[in-house]
């Protein structure tokens, strides 16, 4: 489990790292457009270390993802992209024989990986599939979800495995936050009373595949979500960055449970190469990051000094709350810490 970094002043998040693994949605881009500073920061990091990309989004192939990233200005090959369909198909191969018919609920990215693994793709439960594999695609609707339900009803996991690429509840897109694969999986679960085997974040299979593929000794994962990105990295024993350009922001960070706390908190990816500030705890328990200071007195979280940086104030508040061992709902938190 990662803890809040008490670093030596001057150390950057990239020091000692031989592999950067970056999430895509909310970290590199939103919709078709790059997030400010992401491309330049990752290209700069790639000059001295390997950079790979991990995505739970199952709607596109690794080649399509690499092409999109290249269009944004990143130097990427398809082999640099690790997708949840790739991890899901590896799980699938552990449960059903090669060449089996698989009911695919999802888009081209998932179909492509299923076919590359030597399975036969079907879209109908009437074809008696050996298993069901489900991933997000914008075109997935009631008819596909119903086919999954028909195929799984009355069948146990041993009789007909059900593998989900991921269970993200939401996905950031250009217009805002939209339902993710977790909502679609939940619809099938409600109909059949079963839960799937999950391949993507926060399960560690996709992280293990990435570390093994790149031969990394000291990876660093960058994500925008606590419940999938940071939790998954912690489960895999990988240090993590939570960057505040996607789903989770200050409010979620302050309330993060012990399993979902990142090593580093950054406003944007420029912070990868900048000195990460030391967290200092005074004898009276007050926590300071540079000139921002937060203390817990009774049930009240008090800002003793706002400092000159909102991100340092957030870092100090997170450290104070996390170190207290108390649940966020038992504390009175000033609104300015999370707005």
Protein backbone atom coordinates (compact mmCIF):
# COMPACT_ATOMS: atom_id res chain seq x y z
CA UNK A 1 0.00 0.00 0.00
CA UNK A 2 1.37 3.41 -0.97
CA UNK A 3 1.62 6.09 1.69
CA UNK A 4 1.79 9.86 1.35
CA UNK A 5 5.36 10.64 0.33
CA UNK A 6 7.61 12.25 2.90
CA UNK A 7 10.30 13.08 0.40
CA UNK A 8 13.58 14.90 0.56
CA UNK A 9 13.10 18.35 -0.92
CA UNK A 10 14.40 18.35 -4.48
CA UNK A 11 13.36 14.80 -5.36
CA UNK A 12 10.95 14.63 -8.29
CA UNK A 13 8.29 11.93 -8.76
CA UNK A 14 10.41 10.54 -11.63
CA UNK A 15 13.64 10.03 -9.67
CA UNK A 16 14.67 6.37 -9.80
CA UNK A 17 11.78 5.44 -12.08
CA UNK A 18 12.53 3.24 -15.12
CA UNK A 19 8.96 3.00 -16.46
CA UNK A 20 6.09 5.47 -16.50
CA UNK A 21 2.67 3.89 -16.95
CA UNK A 22 0.02 6.48 -17.77
CA UNK A 23 -3.73 6.10 -17.83
CA UNK A 24 -5.37 7.80 -20.81
CA UNK A 25 -8.85 9.24 -20.14
CA UNK A 26 -8.46 12.15 -17.74
CA UNK A 27 -4.65 11.97 -17.77
CA UNK A 28 -3.54 12.35 -21.39
CA UNK A 29 -6.79 13.44 -23.02
CA UNK A 30 -10.48 14.15 -22.60
CA UNK A 31 -12.43 13.05 -25.63
CA UNK A 32 -10.29 13.71 -28.71
CA UNK A 33 -8.25 16.55 -27.20
CA UNK A 34 -5.03 16.48 -25.19
CA UNK A 35 -5.10 17.73 -21.62
CA UNK A 36 -2.91 20.84 -21.22
CA UNK A 37 0.78 20.06 -20.53
CA UNK A 38 0.29 16.28 -20.75
CA UNK A 39 1.93 15.68 -24.15
CA UNK A 40 4.98 17.86 -23.57
CA UNK A 41 5.50 16.43 -20.09
CA UNK A 42 5.32 12.80 -21.23
CA UNK A 43 7.54 13.41 -24.25
CA UNK A 44 10.12 15.03 -22.00
CA UNK A 45 9.99 12.09 -19.60
CA UNK A 46 10.33 9.64 -22.51
CA UNK A 47 13.75 11.06 -23.35
CA UNK A 48 15.26 9.30 -20.32
CA UNK A 49 12.91 6.41 -19.47
CA UNK A 50 10.29 4.11 -21.00
CA UNK A 51 6.69 5.33 -21.17
CA UNK A 52 3.74 2.98 -21.57
CA UNK A 53 0.01 3.54 -21.54
CA UNK A 54 -2.69 1.57 -19.70
CA UNK A 55 -6.36 1.94 -20.46
CA UNK A 56 -9.52 0.32 -19.15
CA UNK A 57 -11.39 1.60 -22.21
CA UNK A 58 -12.20 -1.48 -24.29
CA UNK A 59 -13.72 0.25 -27.29
CA UNK A 60 -10.49 0.70 -29.30
CA UNK A 61 -7.56 -1.44 -30.41
CA UNK A 62 -4.01 -0.81 -29.24
CA UNK A 63 -3.16 0.39 -32.76
CA UNK A 64 -6.07 2.84 -32.75
CA UNK A 65 -5.06 4.16 -29.34
CA UNK A 66 -1.43 4.54 -30.46
CA UNK A 67 -2.53 6.40 -33.58
CA UNK A 68 -4.67 8.79 -31.52
CA UNK A 69 -1.79 9.44 -29.13
CA UNK A 70 0.57 10.02 -32.06
CA UNK A 71 -1.85 12.55 -33.52
CA UNK A 72 -1.75 14.40 -30.20
CA UNK A 73 2.04 14.59 -30.51
CA UNK A 74 3.22 11.64 -28.41
CA UNK A 75 5.81 9.14 -29.65
CA UNK A 76 3.91 5.86 -29.32
CA UNK A 77 3.85 2.40 -30.90
CA UNK A 78 0.96 -0.08 -30.50
CA UNK A 79 3.20 -2.25 -28.31
CA UNK A 80 3.41 0.67 -25.84
CA UNK A 81 -0.33 0.39 -25.16
CA UNK A 82 -1.69 -2.12 -22.63
CA UNK A 83 -5.48 -2.47 -22.82
CA UNK A 84 -8.04 -4.09 -20.56
CA UNK A 85 -9.21 -6.31 -23.47
CA UNK A 86 -5.68 -7.74 -23.66
CA UNK A 87 -5.76 -8.57 -19.95
CA UNK A 88 -9.32 -9.87 -20.21
CA UNK A 89 -8.49 -12.24 -23.07
CA UNK A 90 -5.57 -13.66 -21.08
CA UNK A 91 -7.97 -14.36 -18.22
CA UNK A 92 -10.43 -15.88 -20.67
CA UNK A 93 -7.77 -18.28 -21.96
CA UNK A 94 -7.38 -19.63 -18.43
CA UNK A 95 -11.02 -20.71 -18.33
CA UNK A 96 -12.02 -21.95 -21.80
CA UNK A 97 -10.26 -23.93 -24.56
CA UNK A 98 -8.61 -22.22 -27.49
CA UNK A 99 -10.91 -21.77 -30.46
CA UNK A 100 -14.07 -21.60 -28.35
CA UNK A 101 -17.00 -19.43 -29.38
CA UNK A 102 -17.13 -16.30 -27.19
CA UNK A 103 -20.09 -13.95 -26.87
CA UNK A 104 -18.56 -10.48 -27.17
CA UNK A 105 -20.38 -7.52 -25.64
CA UNK A 106 -18.36 -4.51 -26.74
CA UNK A 107 -16.63 -2.79 -29.63
CA UNK A 108 -13.82 -3.30 -32.11
CA UNK A 109 -11.04 -3.22 -29.52
CA UNK A 110 -12.50 -6.17 -27.68
CA UNK A 111 -13.40 -8.11 -30.84
CA UNK A 112 -9.86 -7.64 -32.15
CA UNK A 113 -8.20 -9.06 -29.04
CA UNK A 114 -10.62 -12.01 -28.85
CA UNK A 115 -9.88 -12.90 -32.46
CA UNK A 116 -6.11 -12.45 -32.08
CA UNK A 117 -6.22 -14.98 -29.23
CA UNK A 118 -7.75 -17.56 -31.58
CA UNK A 119 -11.32 -17.50 -30.29
CA UNK A 120 -14.44 -17.32 -32.43
CA UNK A 121 -16.61 -14.24 -31.97
CA UNK A 122 -20.37 -14.44 -31.71
CA UNK A 123 -22.94 -11.78 -30.92
CA UNK A 124 -25.81 -14.16 -30.07
CA UNK A 125 -26.50 -16.27 -26.98
CA UNK A 126 -28.21 -18.76 -29.31
CA UNK A 127 -24.78 -19.85 -30.59
CA UNK A 128 -24.10 -21.56 -27.24
CA UNK A 129 -20.91 -19.59 -26.41
CA UNK A 130 -18.33 -21.06 -24.07
CA UNK A 131 -18.02 -17.73 -22.26
CA UNK A 132 -19.10 -14.08 -22.26
CA UNK A 133 -16.64 -11.20 -22.40
CA UNK A 134 -17.85 -7.65 -21.84
CA UNK A 135 -16.22 -4.26 -22.38
CA UNK A 136 -17.25 -0.66 -22.93
CA UNK A 137 -18.18 0.74 -26.31
CA UNK A 138 -20.44 3.73 -27.00
CA UNK A 139 -22.70 1.59 -29.19
CA UNK A 140 -23.42 -1.03 -26.50
CA UNK A 141 -27.14 -0.93 -25.75
CA UNK A 142 -30.04 -2.97 -24.46
CA UNK A 143 -29.88 -5.62 -27.16
CA UNK A 144 -26.26 -6.56 -26.46
CA UNK A 145 -26.78 -6.48 -22.70
CA UNK A 146 -29.82 -8.71 -23.10
CA UNK A 147 -27.77 -11.25 -25.09
CA UNK A 148 -25.27 -11.38 -22.23
CA UNK A 149 -28.08 -11.94 -19.74
CA UNK A 150 -29.61 -14.69 -21.87
CA UNK A 151 -26.25 -16.46 -22.15
CA UNK A 152 -25.49 -16.28 -18.42
CA UNK A 153 -28.89 -17.10 -16.94
CA UNK A 154 -28.88 -20.41 -15.11
CA UNK A 155 -25.14 -20.94 -15.70
CA UNK A 156 -22.45 -20.93 -13.03
CA UNK A 157 -19.02 -19.40 -13.45
CA UNK A 158 -17.58 -22.88 -14.04
CA UNK A 159 -20.18 -23.63 -16.70
CA UNK A 160 -19.97 -20.34 -18.58
CA UNK A 161 -17.37 -17.80 -17.42
CA UNK A 162 -18.14 -14.09 -17.63
CA UNK A 163 -15.12 -11.80 -17.95
CA UNK A 164 -15.41 -8.00 -17.77
CA UNK A 165 -12.61 -5.80 -19.06
CA UNK A 166 -13.23 -3.33 -16.23
CA UNK A 167 -15.90 -1.94 -13.93
CA UNK A 168 -15.29 1.83 -14.09
CA UNK A 169 -18.54 3.50 -13.14
CA UNK A 170 -17.82 6.61 -15.18
CA UNK A 171 -15.69 7.76 -18.10
CA UNK A 172 -14.58 11.35 -18.83
CA UNK A 173 -15.45 12.58 -22.32
CA UNK A 174 -15.29 15.94 -24.06
CA UNK A 175 -18.75 16.99 -22.88
CA UNK A 176 -18.37 15.82 -19.28
CA UNK A 177 -18.62 12.64 -17.21
CA UNK A 178 -20.54 9.75 -18.81
CA UNK A 179 -21.53 6.24 -17.61
CA UNK A 180 -18.70 3.70 -17.91
CA UNK A 181 -18.48 -0.05 -18.28
CA UNK A 182 -19.31 -0.60 -14.63
CA UNK A 183 -22.85 0.64 -15.21
CA UNK A 184 -23.28 -1.77 -18.13
CA UNK A 185 -21.85 -4.68 -16.15
CA UNK A 186 -24.19 -3.78 -13.30
CA UNK A 187 -27.19 -4.02 -15.63
CA UNK A 188 -26.23 -7.58 -16.58
CA UNK A 189 -25.46 -8.45 -12.96
CA UNK A 190 -28.92 -7.24 -11.92
CA UNK A 191 -30.51 -9.51 -14.52
CA UNK A 192 -28.52 -12.68 -13.78
CA UNK A 193 -27.44 -12.40 -10.14
CA UNK A 194 -23.78 -13.08 -10.92
CA UNK A 195 -20.59 -11.05 -10.80
CA UNK A 196 -17.92 -11.20 -13.52
CA UNK A 197 -14.22 -11.91 -13.33
CA UNK A 198 -12.60 -8.49 -13.81
CA UNK A 199 -9.37 -7.94 -15.76
CA UNK A 200 -8.73 -4.20 -15.70
CA UNK A 201 -8.01 -1.67 -13.00
CA UNK A 202 -8.26 -1.90 -10.03
CA UNK A 203 -7.44 -5.59 -10.41
CA UNK A 204 -3.71 -6.17 -10.65
CA UNK A 205 -3.70 -8.36 -13.79
CA UNK A 206 -3.40 -5.39 -16.15
CA UNK A 207 -0.57 -3.88 -14.07
CA UNK A 208 1.30 -7.17 -13.91
CA UNK A 209 1.01 -7.53 -17.69
CA UNK A 210 2.41 -4.03 -18.21
CA UNK A 211 5.35 -4.44 -15.83
CA UNK A 212 6.24 -7.79 -17.38
CA UNK A 213 5.93 -6.49 -20.95
CA UNK A 214 8.31 -3.60 -20.33
CA UNK A 215 10.65 -5.44 -17.96
CA UNK A 216 10.39 -2.70 -15.35
CA UNK A 217 12.07 -2.69 -11.94
CA UNK A 218 10.75 0.66 -10.64
CA UNK A 219 7.50 1.69 -12.38
CA UNK A 220 5.37 4.73 -11.60
CA UNK A 221 1.68 4.79 -12.50
CA UNK A 222 -0.21 8.01 -13.31
CA UNK A 223 -3.99 8.07 -12.99
CA UNK A 224 -6.93 10.35 -12.33
CA UNK A 225 -9.10 8.00 -10.26
CA UNK A 226 -8.63 6.69 -6.76
CA UNK A 227 -10.99 3.72 -6.99
CA UNK A 228 -9.39 2.18 -10.09
CA UNK A 229 -6.01 3.76 -10.86
CA UNK A 230 -4.53 4.31 -7.42
CA UNK A 231 -6.16 1.30 -5.78
CA UNK A 232 -4.93 -0.93 -8.61
CA UNK A 233 -1.40 0.45 -8.45
CA UNK A 234 -1.32 -0.07 -4.69
CA UNK A 235 -2.50 -3.66 -5.08
CA UNK A 236 0.30 -4.22 -7.60
CA UNK A 237 2.92 -2.62 -5.35
CA UNK A 238 3.53 0.32 -7.70
CA UNK A 239 4.00 3.95 -6.64
CA UNK A 240 1.31 6.23 -8.06
CA UNK A 241 0.48 9.78 -9.07
CA UNK A 242 -3.04 11.17 -8.79
CA UNK A 243 -3.28 14.03 -11.27
CA UNK A 244 -6.15 16.48 -10.82
CA UNK A 245 -7.15 16.70 -14.49
CA UNK A 246 -9.79 13.96 -14.62
CA UNK A 247 -12.41 12.36 -12.40
CA UNK A 248 -11.21 12.67 -8.79
CA UNK A 249 -10.40 16.02 -7.24
CA UNK A 250 -9.73 17.47 -3.80
CA UNK A 251 -12.89 16.21 -2.12
CA UNK A 252 -12.25 12.60 -3.11
CA UNK A 253 -8.58 12.81 -2.11
CA UNK A 254 -9.35 14.08 1.37
CA UNK A 255 -11.74 11.16 1.89
CA UNK A 256 -9.51 8.48 0.34
CA UNK A 257 -9.32 5.25 2.32
CA UNK A 258 -6.00 3.68 3.22
CA UNK A 259 -5.94 1.42 0.15
CA UNK A 260 -6.58 4.24 -2.33
CA UNK A 261 -4.03 6.90 -1.40
CA UNK A 262 -1.46 7.97 -4.00
CA UNK A 263 2.24 8.50 -3.47
CA UNK A 264 2.12 11.89 -5.23
CA UNK A 265 -0.59 14.50 -5.87
CA UNK A 266 -0.10 16.73 -8.94
CA UNK A 267 -2.13 19.54 -10.46
CA UNK A 268 -0.98 18.54 -13.94
CA UNK A 269 1.83 16.52 -15.49
CA UNK A 270 4.35 19.35 -15.35
CA UNK A 271 4.76 18.27 -11.75
CA UNK A 272 6.44 15.02 -12.83
CA UNK A 273 9.76 16.80 -13.32
CA UNK A 274 9.40 19.37 -10.54
CA UNK A 275 10.75 18.92 -6.99
CA UNK A 276 8.10 17.31 -4.81
CA UNK A 277 7.76 19.06 -1.45
CA UNK A 278 8.50 17.48 1.88
CA UNK A 279 5.66 16.82 4.31
CA UNK A 280 6.66 18.07 7.76
CA UNK A 281 4.84 17.22 10.99
CA UNK A 282 5.36 19.45 14.03
CA UNK A 283 5.37 18.22 17.62
CA UNK A 284 1.83 19.51 18.06
CA UNK A 285 0.68 17.42 15.09
CA UNK A 286 0.32 20.28 12.60
CA UNK A 287 1.29 19.24 9.07
CA UNK A 288 3.07 21.60 6.69
CA UNK A 289 3.90 21.40 3.00
CA UNK A 290 6.11 24.37 2.14
CA UNK A 291 4.21 27.35 3.62
CA UNK A 292 0.78 25.66 3.90
CA UNK A 293 -0.13 24.24 7.31
CA UNK A 294 -3.12 22.17 8.46
CA UNK A 295 -3.91 20.76 11.90
CA UNK A 296 -6.67 18.66 13.41
CA UNK A 297 -8.06 19.98 16.67
CA UNK A 298 -10.80 17.84 18.13
CA UNK A 299 -13.16 17.08 15.26
CA UNK A 300 -12.13 20.17 13.30
CA UNK A 301 -9.65 20.32 10.44
CA UNK A 302 -8.09 23.77 10.74
CA UNK A 303 -6.10 25.66 8.13
CA UNK A 304 -3.34 27.42 10.04
CA UNK A 305 -1.75 28.81 6.90
CA UNK A 306 -3.16 28.80 3.36
CA UNK A 307 0.32 29.19 1.97
CA UNK A 308 1.04 30.35 -1.55
CA UNK A 309 -0.15 27.23 -3.40
CA UNK A 310 -3.54 25.53 -3.36
CA UNK A 311 -1.96 22.18 -4.27
CA UNK A 312 0.41 22.37 -1.28
CA UNK A 313 -2.53 23.18 0.98
CA UNK A 314 -4.33 20.11 -0.36
CA UNK A 315 -1.23 17.95 0.16
CA UNK A 316 -0.93 19.15 3.75
CA UNK A 317 -4.63 18.55 4.44
CA UNK A 318 -4.48 15.03 2.98
CA UNK A 319 -1.44 14.15 5.07
CA UNK A 320 -3.04 15.50 8.25
CA UNK A 321 -6.33 13.67 7.70
CA UNK A 322 -4.74 10.42 6.51
CA UNK A 323 -2.25 10.34 9.38
CA UNK A 324 -5.03 10.89 11.91
CA UNK A 325 -6.51 7.49 11.12
CA UNK A 326 -9.99 8.99 11.33
CA UNK A 327 -12.75 8.70 8.78
CA UNK A 328 -13.55 11.89 6.89
CA UNK A 329 -17.21 11.83 8.00
CA UNK A 330 -16.08 12.23 11.62
CA UNK A 331 -14.29 15.49 10.83
CA UNK A 332 -15.39 19.04 10.05
CA UNK A 333 -13.51 20.03 6.89
CA UNK A 334 -13.33 23.69 5.74
CA UNK A 335 -14.98 24.10 2.35
CA UNK A 336 -11.99 25.87 0.86
CA UNK A 337 -9.97 22.64 1.10
CA UNK A 338 -12.13 20.88 -1.45
CA UNK A 339 -13.69 23.53 -3.70
